[in-house]
Protein backbone atom coordinates (compact mmCIF):
# COMPACT_ATOMS: atom_id res chain seq x y z
CA MET A 1 36.08 -41.73 -168.57
CA LYS A 2 39.47 -43.23 -169.42
CA THR A 3 40.09 -40.41 -171.90
CA LYS A 4 39.33 -37.81 -169.21
CA LEU A 5 41.68 -39.53 -166.78
CA ARG A 6 44.46 -39.59 -169.39
CA LEU A 7 43.94 -35.86 -170.09
CA TRP A 8 43.95 -35.07 -166.34
CA ALA A 9 47.15 -37.07 -165.84
CA ALA A 10 48.86 -35.37 -168.78
CA SER A 11 47.92 -31.87 -167.62
CA THR A 12 49.03 -32.64 -164.06
CA ALA A 13 52.38 -33.92 -165.29
CA ALA A 14 52.88 -30.82 -167.42
CA MET A 15 52.12 -28.57 -164.47
CA LEU A 16 54.64 -30.43 -162.30
CA VAL A 17 57.32 -30.07 -164.98
CA CYS A 18 56.62 -26.32 -165.13
CA LEU A 19 56.86 -25.93 -161.36
CA THR A 20 60.04 -28.00 -161.23
CA SER A 21 61.64 -25.69 -163.77
CA ILE A 22 61.00 -22.73 -161.48
CA HIS A 23 61.38 -24.12 -157.96
CA ALA A 24 64.38 -25.79 -156.40
CA ASP A 25 64.27 -29.46 -155.42
CA PRO A 26 62.00 -29.64 -152.32
CA ALA A 27 64.36 -32.24 -150.84
CA VAL A 28 67.12 -29.62 -150.58
CA ALA A 29 64.98 -26.49 -150.18
CA GLU A 30 65.61 -24.41 -147.04
CA ASP A 31 63.82 -21.53 -145.38
CA LYS A 32 66.71 -19.14 -145.95
CA LEU A 33 68.69 -17.52 -148.73
CA LYS A 34 72.42 -17.30 -148.13
CA ILE A 35 73.81 -14.21 -149.88
CA GLY A 36 77.47 -13.30 -150.27
CA LEU A 37 77.86 -9.52 -149.87
CA VAL A 38 81.24 -8.23 -151.04
CA PHE A 39 82.24 -4.65 -150.18
CA PHE A 40 85.51 -2.84 -149.41
CA LEU A 41 85.84 -3.09 -145.64
CA SER A 42 89.53 -2.15 -145.31
CA GLY A 43 92.03 0.06 -147.13
CA PRO A 44 91.14 3.24 -149.08
CA GLY A 45 88.00 1.66 -150.52
CA ALA A 46 86.50 1.25 -147.05
CA ALA A 47 85.50 4.91 -147.16
CA TYR A 48 82.87 3.69 -149.62
CA GLY A 49 82.42 0.00 -148.85
CA SER A 50 81.70 0.34 -145.14
CA HIS A 51 78.66 2.45 -145.99
CA ALA A 52 77.49 -0.18 -148.47
CA ARG A 53 77.85 -2.86 -145.79
CA ASP A 54 75.85 -0.77 -143.31
CA GLY A 55 73.10 -0.23 -145.87
CA ALA A 56 72.98 -3.92 -146.79
CA LYS A 57 72.89 -4.96 -143.13
CA LEU A 58 70.04 -2.57 -142.39
CA ILE A 59 68.01 -3.77 -145.39
CA ALA A 60 68.60 -7.47 -144.70
CA GLU A 61 67.52 -7.15 -141.07
CA ALA A 62 64.49 -5.02 -141.92
CA LEU A 63 63.37 -7.40 -144.66
CA ASN A 64 63.72 -10.38 -142.35
CA ALA A 65 61.53 -8.57 -139.82
CA ALA A 66 59.02 -7.50 -142.52
CA LYS A 67 59.56 -3.83 -141.62
CA VAL A 68 60.22 -2.42 -145.09
CA PRO A 69 57.39 -0.47 -146.76
CA ALA A 70 55.68 -1.61 -149.95
CA PRO A 71 56.49 -2.91 -152.45
CA TYR A 72 59.00 -4.80 -150.27
CA ASP A 73 56.77 -5.47 -147.25
CA LYS A 74 56.81 -9.26 -147.62
CA ALA A 75 59.22 -10.87 -145.14
CA GLY A 76 62.69 -11.79 -146.36
CA ILE A 77 62.91 -12.65 -150.04
CA ASN A 78 59.82 -14.61 -151.05
CA GLY A 79 59.40 -15.50 -147.38
CA LEU A 80 62.95 -16.87 -147.16
CA ARG A 81 65.11 -15.43 -144.42
CA ILE A 82 68.21 -13.57 -145.69
CA GLU A 83 71.46 -14.91 -144.26
CA PRO A 84 74.24 -12.44 -145.21
CA VAL A 85 77.88 -13.47 -145.52
CA PHE A 86 80.07 -10.35 -145.64
CA VAL A 87 83.42 -10.42 -147.43
CA ASP A 88 86.08 -7.69 -147.71
CA GLU A 89 86.73 -6.68 -151.32
CA ALA A 90 90.22 -5.36 -150.54
CA GLY A 91 93.28 -7.24 -151.80
CA GLY A 92 92.98 -7.20 -155.58
CA ALA A 93 91.37 -9.32 -158.28
CA GLN A 94 93.29 -12.55 -157.62
CA LYS A 95 92.28 -12.54 -153.98
CA GLN A 96 88.67 -11.84 -154.93
CA LEU A 97 88.63 -14.74 -157.35
CA ALA A 98 89.67 -17.04 -154.51
CA GLU A 99 87.10 -15.47 -152.17
CA TYR A 100 84.36 -15.83 -154.78
CA ARG A 101 85.07 -19.54 -155.21
CA ARG A 102 85.11 -19.94 -151.42
CA LEU A 103 81.70 -18.26 -151.16
CA VAL A 104 80.26 -20.55 -153.82
CA GLU A 105 82.00 -23.84 -153.07
CA SER A 106 82.51 -23.70 -149.29
CA GLU A 107 79.92 -21.24 -147.99
CA LYS A 108 77.34 -22.56 -150.51
CA VAL A 109 75.79 -19.14 -151.05
CA ASP A 110 72.71 -18.92 -153.25
CA MET A 111 73.91 -15.71 -154.89
CA VAL A 112 76.47 -12.93 -154.60
CA ILE A 113 75.83 -9.17 -154.47
CA GLY A 114 78.82 -6.88 -154.47
CA TYR A 115 81.99 -5.48 -156.06
CA ASN A 116 82.70 -1.81 -156.47
CA SER A 117 86.03 -2.07 -158.29
CA SER A 118 85.63 -2.44 -162.04
CA ALA A 119 88.79 -4.55 -162.10
CA ASP A 120 87.20 -7.01 -159.67
CA CYS A 121 83.96 -7.11 -161.67
CA ASN A 122 85.92 -7.86 -164.85
CA ALA A 123 87.71 -10.74 -163.12
CA ILE A 124 84.66 -12.21 -161.38
CA ALA A 125 82.07 -12.11 -164.18
CA PRO A 126 83.56 -14.93 -166.31
CA VAL A 127 83.77 -17.13 -163.19
CA ALA A 128 80.16 -16.36 -162.30
CA GLU A 129 79.21 -17.62 -165.74
CA GLU A 130 81.39 -20.72 -165.32
CA LEU A 131 79.95 -21.60 -161.89
CA GLN A 132 76.41 -20.55 -162.91
CA VAL A 133 75.82 -18.43 -159.82
CA LEU A 134 73.59 -15.35 -159.86
CA THR A 135 76.00 -12.48 -159.29
CA ASP A 136 74.73 -8.92 -159.02
CA PHE A 137 77.52 -6.39 -159.60
CA PHE A 138 75.83 -3.77 -157.48
CA HIS A 139 77.92 -0.72 -158.33
CA CYS A 140 81.00 -1.08 -160.54
CA GLY A 141 80.33 1.12 -163.55
CA ASN A 142 82.68 0.26 -166.42
CA PRO A 143 80.78 -0.33 -169.69
CA GLN A 144 83.36 -2.87 -170.83
CA LEU A 145 82.01 -5.44 -168.33
CA PHE A 146 79.23 -6.39 -170.75
CA GLU A 147 80.68 -4.77 -173.88
CA ASP A 148 83.94 -6.74 -173.87
CA ILE A 149 84.37 -9.09 -170.88
CA VAL A 150 81.09 -11.06 -170.83
CA THR A 151 79.21 -10.05 -173.95
CA ALA A 152 76.32 -12.51 -173.55
CA PRO A 153 75.77 -12.69 -169.79
CA GLU A 154 73.54 -15.35 -168.35
CA TYR A 155 74.33 -15.35 -164.62
CA SER A 156 75.96 -11.91 -164.30
CA VAL A 157 73.67 -8.91 -163.80
CA ARG A 158 74.20 -5.31 -162.78
CA THR A 159 71.42 -3.50 -160.91
CA ALA A 160 73.31 -0.18 -161.21
CA PRO A 161 73.76 1.85 -164.40
CA THR A 162 77.15 2.11 -166.05
CA GLY A 163 79.32 5.16 -165.50
CA THR A 164 78.42 6.40 -168.97
CA MET A 165 75.48 8.30 -167.52
CA ASP A 166 77.83 9.98 -165.01
CA GLN A 167 80.11 11.30 -167.72
CA VAL A 168 77.34 12.37 -170.10
CA ALA A 169 75.34 14.13 -167.39
CA ALA A 170 78.51 15.77 -166.00
CA ALA A 171 79.35 17.20 -169.43
CA LYS A 172 75.82 18.49 -169.94
CA TYR A 173 75.70 20.02 -166.47
CA LEU A 174 79.14 21.64 -166.74
CA LEU A 175 78.25 23.30 -170.03
CA GLU A 176 74.98 24.55 -168.59
CA LYS A 177 76.88 26.13 -165.69
CA MET A 178 79.87 27.34 -167.75
CA PRO A 179 78.76 27.76 -171.39
CA ALA A 180 81.89 29.76 -172.27
CA ILE A 181 84.29 27.14 -170.90
CA LYS A 182 87.39 26.58 -173.06
CA SER A 183 89.40 23.85 -171.33
CA VAL A 184 89.03 20.81 -169.07
CA SER A 185 91.76 18.66 -167.54
CA GLY A 186 91.30 15.30 -165.87
CA ILE A 187 92.76 13.18 -163.09
CA ASN A 188 91.49 9.64 -162.74
CA GLN A 189 92.55 6.25 -161.41
CA ASP A 190 94.66 4.17 -163.76
CA TYR A 191 92.41 1.17 -164.37
CA SER A 192 89.29 0.50 -166.39
CA TRP A 193 86.97 2.71 -164.32
CA GLY A 194 89.18 5.80 -164.49
CA GLN A 195 90.23 5.22 -168.10
CA ASP A 196 86.66 4.69 -169.32
CA SER A 197 85.43 7.70 -167.33
CA TRP A 198 87.95 10.11 -168.87
CA THR A 199 87.44 8.72 -172.39
CA GLU A 200 83.66 9.06 -172.16
CA PHE A 201 83.73 12.49 -170.55
CA LYS A 202 86.03 13.87 -173.24
CA ALA A 203 83.86 12.33 -175.94
CA ALA A 204 80.74 13.87 -174.39
CA MET A 205 82.32 17.30 -174.02
CA SER A 206 83.62 17.23 -177.61
CA ALA A 207 80.21 16.14 -178.91
CA LEU A 208 78.58 19.07 -177.12
CA LYS A 209 81.35 21.65 -177.64
CA PRO A 210 83.80 20.60 -180.39
CA ASP A 211 86.34 23.36 -179.69
CA ILE A 212 86.99 22.33 -176.07
CA GLN A 213 90.65 21.78 -175.12
CA TYR A 214 92.17 19.19 -172.79
CA PRO A 215 95.47 20.48 -171.35
CA ALA A 216 96.10 17.41 -169.16
CA GLY A 217 94.76 13.92 -168.62
CA LEU A 218 96.49 12.35 -165.63
CA PHE A 219 96.14 8.83 -164.25
CA THR A 220 97.18 7.61 -160.81
CA LYS A 221 97.51 4.22 -159.19
CA LEU A 222 94.54 3.04 -157.12
CA GLY A 223 95.31 3.73 -153.47
CA THR A 224 97.68 6.66 -154.06
CA SER A 225 98.09 8.82 -150.96
CA ASP A 226 100.33 11.67 -152.17
CA TYR A 227 99.19 13.73 -155.16
CA GLY A 228 101.86 16.43 -154.92
CA ALA A 229 103.36 15.86 -158.37
CA GLU A 230 99.98 15.67 -160.08
CA ILE A 231 98.71 18.84 -158.39
CA SER A 232 101.89 20.68 -159.42
CA ALA A 233 101.34 19.60 -163.02
CA LEU A 234 97.72 20.75 -162.97
CA LEU A 235 98.69 24.08 -161.40
CA SER A 236 101.34 24.71 -164.05
CA SER A 237 98.66 25.03 -166.73
CA PRO A 238 95.28 25.20 -164.99
CA ALA A 239 92.18 24.39 -167.02
CA ASP A 240 88.84 26.09 -166.55
CA ALA A 241 87.52 22.86 -165.03
CA LEU A 242 88.97 19.65 -163.62
CA PHE A 243 87.15 16.34 -164.09
CA SER A 244 87.69 13.39 -161.74
CA SER A 245 86.00 10.04 -161.16
CA PHE A 246 88.07 9.32 -158.01
CA TRP A 247 86.23 7.38 -155.32
CA GLY A 248 86.89 6.18 -151.77
CA GLY A 249 90.00 7.26 -149.91
CA ASP A 250 91.65 8.42 -153.15
CA ALA A 251 88.91 11.01 -153.66
CA ASP A 252 89.16 12.25 -150.08
CA ALA A 253 92.97 12.56 -150.13
CA PHE A 254 93.07 14.34 -153.47
CA ALA A 255 90.33 16.81 -152.48
CA LEU A 256 92.12 17.76 -149.26
CA GLN A 257 95.51 18.15 -150.93
CA ALA A 258 94.09 20.10 -153.89
CA SER A 259 92.36 22.52 -151.51
CA THR A 260 95.56 23.06 -149.51
CA ARG A 261 97.57 23.76 -152.65
CA GLY A 262 95.01 26.19 -154.11
CA LEU A 263 94.07 24.12 -157.15
CA THR A 264 90.39 24.50 -156.27
CA GLU A 265 90.71 28.26 -156.82
CA LYS A 266 92.12 27.78 -160.32
CA SER A 267 89.72 25.15 -161.73
CA LYS A 268 86.05 24.29 -161.22
CA PHE A 269 85.99 20.74 -159.84
CA VAL A 270 83.63 18.25 -161.51
CA LEU A 271 83.44 15.12 -159.33
CA THR A 272 81.28 12.27 -160.60
CA MET A 273 81.61 10.51 -157.23
CA GLY A 274 81.65 13.75 -155.25
CA THR A 275 78.89 12.67 -152.87
CA GLY A 276 81.39 10.24 -151.39
CA ILE A 277 83.70 13.15 -150.57
CA ILE A 278 80.82 15.00 -148.89
CA ASP A 279 79.96 11.85 -146.93
CA ASP A 280 83.53 11.53 -145.66
CA LEU A 281 84.88 15.09 -145.41
CA GLY A 282 81.74 16.98 -144.47
CA GLU A 283 82.44 20.72 -144.17
CA LYS A 284 85.96 20.22 -145.61
CA THR A 285 84.40 19.47 -149.00
CA ILE A 286 85.35 21.84 -151.84
CA VAL A 287 82.79 24.66 -151.86
CA GLY A 288 81.46 25.29 -155.36
CA SER A 289 82.36 21.85 -156.68
CA ILE A 290 79.99 20.13 -159.09
CA PHE A 291 79.22 16.63 -157.90
CA GLY A 292 77.29 13.48 -158.70
CA ALA A 293 76.43 10.28 -156.81
CA ARG A 294 76.47 7.44 -159.39
CA GLY A 295 72.73 7.89 -159.59
CA PRO A 296 70.08 10.02 -157.87
CA HIS A 297 71.20 8.96 -154.42
CA GLY A 298 71.88 10.73 -151.13
CA TYR A 299 71.16 14.44 -151.44
CA PHE A 300 69.42 13.85 -154.77
CA ALA A 301 66.88 11.29 -153.49
CA ARG A 302 63.25 12.30 -153.87
CA LYS A 303 60.49 11.80 -151.36
CA THR A 304 58.57 8.52 -151.54
CA PRO A 305 57.37 6.32 -148.66
CA LEU A 306 60.22 3.87 -149.31
CA ALA A 307 62.89 6.57 -149.69
CA ASP A 308 61.70 8.41 -146.58
CA TRP A 309 61.71 5.17 -144.58
CA PHE A 310 65.25 4.30 -145.67
CA LYS A 311 66.64 7.72 -144.79
CA ALA A 312 64.92 7.73 -141.39
CA GLU A 313 65.99 4.18 -140.53
CA TYR A 314 69.59 4.77 -141.57
CA LEU A 315 69.71 8.00 -139.57
CA LYS A 316 68.24 6.26 -136.52
CA THR A 317 70.62 3.30 -136.81
CA TYR A 318 73.89 4.99 -137.79
CA HIS A 319 73.25 8.60 -136.68
CA ARG A 320 73.99 10.10 -140.06
CA VAL A 321 72.36 10.78 -143.43
CA PRO A 322 72.78 7.65 -145.58
CA PRO A 323 75.84 7.87 -147.88
CA PHE A 324 75.37 6.97 -151.52
CA GLY A 325 77.08 3.60 -151.10
CA ALA A 326 74.28 2.58 -148.75
CA TYR A 327 71.71 3.48 -151.42
CA ALA A 328 73.54 1.36 -154.00
CA ALA A 329 73.64 -1.68 -151.71
CA ALA A 330 69.96 -1.32 -150.86
CA GLN A 331 69.18 -1.04 -154.57
CA GLY A 332 71.05 -4.28 -155.29
CA ILE A 333 69.09 -6.23 -152.71
CA PHE A 334 65.74 -4.72 -153.72
CA GLY A 335 66.35 -5.67 -157.36
CA ILE A 336 66.96 -9.30 -156.48
CA LYS A 337 63.95 -9.38 -154.15
CA ALA A 338 61.68 -7.91 -156.81
CA ALA A 339 62.84 -10.43 -159.41
CA TYR A 340 62.67 -13.38 -157.01
CA GLU A 341 59.10 -12.66 -155.99
CA LYS A 342 58.01 -11.97 -159.55
CA ALA A 343 59.41 -15.37 -160.57
CA ALA A 344 57.69 -17.09 -157.61
CA ALA A 345 54.28 -15.79 -158.71
CA GLY A 346 52.90 -16.20 -155.20
CA LEU A 347 54.28 -19.69 -154.57
CA ALA A 348 56.48 -20.09 -151.50
CA GLY A 349 59.95 -21.59 -151.42
CA LYS A 350 63.37 -21.36 -152.98
CA LEU A 351 63.65 -20.88 -156.75
CA LYS A 352 66.06 -22.01 -159.38
CA THR A 353 68.62 -19.36 -160.28
CA GLU A 354 67.58 -19.32 -163.93
CA ALA A 355 63.98 -18.45 -163.02
CA VAL A 356 65.10 -15.44 -160.97
CA ILE A 357 67.35 -14.17 -163.76
CA ALA A 358 64.57 -14.57 -166.31
CA ALA A 359 62.27 -12.48 -164.11
CA LEU A 360 64.93 -9.77 -163.72
CA LYS A 361 65.17 -9.17 -167.48
CA GLY A 362 63.32 -5.98 -168.39
CA LEU A 363 62.11 -5.55 -164.82
CA THR A 364 61.43 -2.09 -163.38
CA PHE A 365 61.74 -1.92 -159.60
CA GLU A 366 61.56 0.74 -156.89
CA THR A 367 64.65 1.98 -155.07
CA ALA A 368 65.57 3.69 -151.81
CA SER A 369 66.39 6.86 -153.75
CA GLY A 370 62.85 7.14 -155.09
CA PHE A 371 63.92 6.78 -158.74
CA PRO A 372 63.13 3.40 -160.35
CA ILE A 373 65.64 1.11 -162.02
CA THR A 374 64.87 -0.64 -165.30
CA MET A 375 66.87 -3.66 -166.45
CA ALA A 376 66.80 -2.42 -170.03
CA ASN A 377 70.18 -3.15 -171.63
CA ASN A 378 72.35 -6.17 -172.47
CA ASN A 379 69.39 -8.52 -172.81
CA GLY A 380 67.97 -7.35 -169.49
CA HIS A 381 71.15 -7.85 -167.47
CA GLN A 382 72.16 -4.17 -167.30
CA ALA A 383 70.26 -1.42 -165.48
CA ILE A 384 69.53 2.14 -166.51
CA GLN A 385 68.39 4.89 -164.17
CA ALA A 386 68.04 8.65 -163.96
CA THR A 387 70.94 10.57 -162.47
CA ALA A 388 71.50 14.01 -160.98
CA TYR A 389 74.12 16.68 -160.43
CA GLY A 390 74.33 19.65 -158.09
CA VAL A 391 76.72 22.11 -156.48
CA TYR A 392 78.13 21.79 -152.96
CA ALA A 393 77.43 25.21 -151.42
CA GLY A 394 78.57 24.67 -147.83
CA TRP A 395 77.73 22.85 -144.60
CA ASP A 396 74.62 23.24 -142.48
CA LYS A 397 76.00 22.71 -138.97
CA ALA A 398 72.58 22.73 -137.36
CA LYS A 399 71.36 19.85 -139.54
CA ASN A 400 74.84 18.30 -139.86
CA GLU A 401 74.44 17.89 -143.60
CA ALA A 402 75.52 19.46 -146.88
CA ILE A 403 73.88 22.45 -148.51
CA VAL A 404 73.29 21.47 -152.13
CA THR A 405 72.09 23.90 -154.78
CA ASP A 406 71.16 23.87 -158.47
CA ILE A 407 70.12 20.20 -158.53
CA LYS A 408 69.23 18.89 -161.97
CA VAL A 409 67.90 15.41 -162.70
CA TYR A 410 68.59 13.78 -166.08
CA PRO A 411 66.14 11.08 -167.27
CA ALA A 412 67.54 7.58 -167.75
CA GLU A 413 66.87 7.59 -171.52
CA CYS A 414 68.74 10.90 -171.85
CA VAL A 415 72.09 9.83 -170.39
CA ASN A 416 72.26 6.05 -170.93
CA PRO A 417 72.98 4.48 -174.33
CA PRO A 418 70.18 2.57 -176.05
CA ASN A 419 70.19 -1.20 -175.80
CA GLY A 420 72.77 -2.80 -178.09
CA VAL A 421 74.85 0.33 -178.67
CA ARG A 422 78.41 0.68 -177.33
CA ALA A 423 78.72 3.63 -174.96
CA VAL A 424 81.48 5.55 -176.75
CA ASP A 425 79.90 4.97 -180.16
CA TRP A 426 76.62 6.39 -178.86
CA ILE A 427 78.33 9.47 -177.40
CA LYS A 428 80.30 10.13 -180.59
CA SER A 429 77.10 9.82 -182.63
CA GLY A 430 75.81 12.89 -180.80
CA PHE A 431 73.72 10.79 -178.41
CA LYS A 432 71.53 9.37 -181.18
CA GLY A 433 68.21 8.16 -179.80
CA ALA A 434 68.53 10.01 -176.48
CA LYS A 435 65.25 11.16 -174.95
CA CYS A 436 65.88 14.32 -172.97
């Protein structure tokens, strides 16, 4: 009898240790999760960030009310009510570092989801590791975040793919549309996102068509409003196509000015973030331009119960088709919810951060676009996903939405590098290991 009691006591103690390693201290547990949500809400980036905020707000409220379809039909996150704290990403990296510390140290958030600017992600990630706070970089796309800045992330995750897939898919799509193309120029923002985008796109084009020429590769300051000099330079020696990874207000301003000056008649525009231009400019968008959406979002979303619900709810709430920034924000929240509830394994309450991150590694979860995300790279901290490209063919005034033709979806394993391989090295290898 004594032996049985000792065995029972030992097994009970072991079980309690296991539960303690997963769940937060019951003495400090609360019935809510406080989440910092950081998006551009002012300045040129607000053309993107305001849509992300609207999407996040819609998802948080719907989750709290248990109105989201399966697999996210459980209220809140593991039954915990979401309390969002919105922060404006405008102001530069130094300001964001101060805001991040304020969120963690003063607001006492449980986690942070946000950051579109690659420069901000680069600055924040080391601090996230230092403060040991789960931080989901929901949309910045520079590969160097985990290739060079934080090479062994523990608390930093990214539930969006890197921009590598945008460049690779854009090159493949352009060559399918224009197989006889001889030259491509570029204009991109002069920081890590724009620099990486142009480097990867050129590498992809050269891998697919070695004789391609690059007459110009221009870089502009983030937040530029006048592109007169750059457009003149591009017009002086127009390439067959023009590649740009511009986003936010920069993308809108450049598209309008390029159309006015006739550059769009000289070069086929390839816009990796072109959905943002459609979202903002509507029927003023460049007809015939090739565009992407940093994933299969917006006009590329496929029909699933979750995707149909999101589109209908966004349209009902904001009286417009959801922009791709809203899809990215929804995706970020869904990824955390999926990981949190996997880690909880049916047990209620708040979890330790490390348990949530462990559950996120290798996880595949459903998204509002209808295409799943898999946390496949960088030891399960980096997502991969399918992506898509199409052509903007005009505006349907009756439906108040874009007419998109020639949509092609590229599988995740076709346009994302394998785990452990640097993006540019993979592209220059001729996409070794790609599954297309």
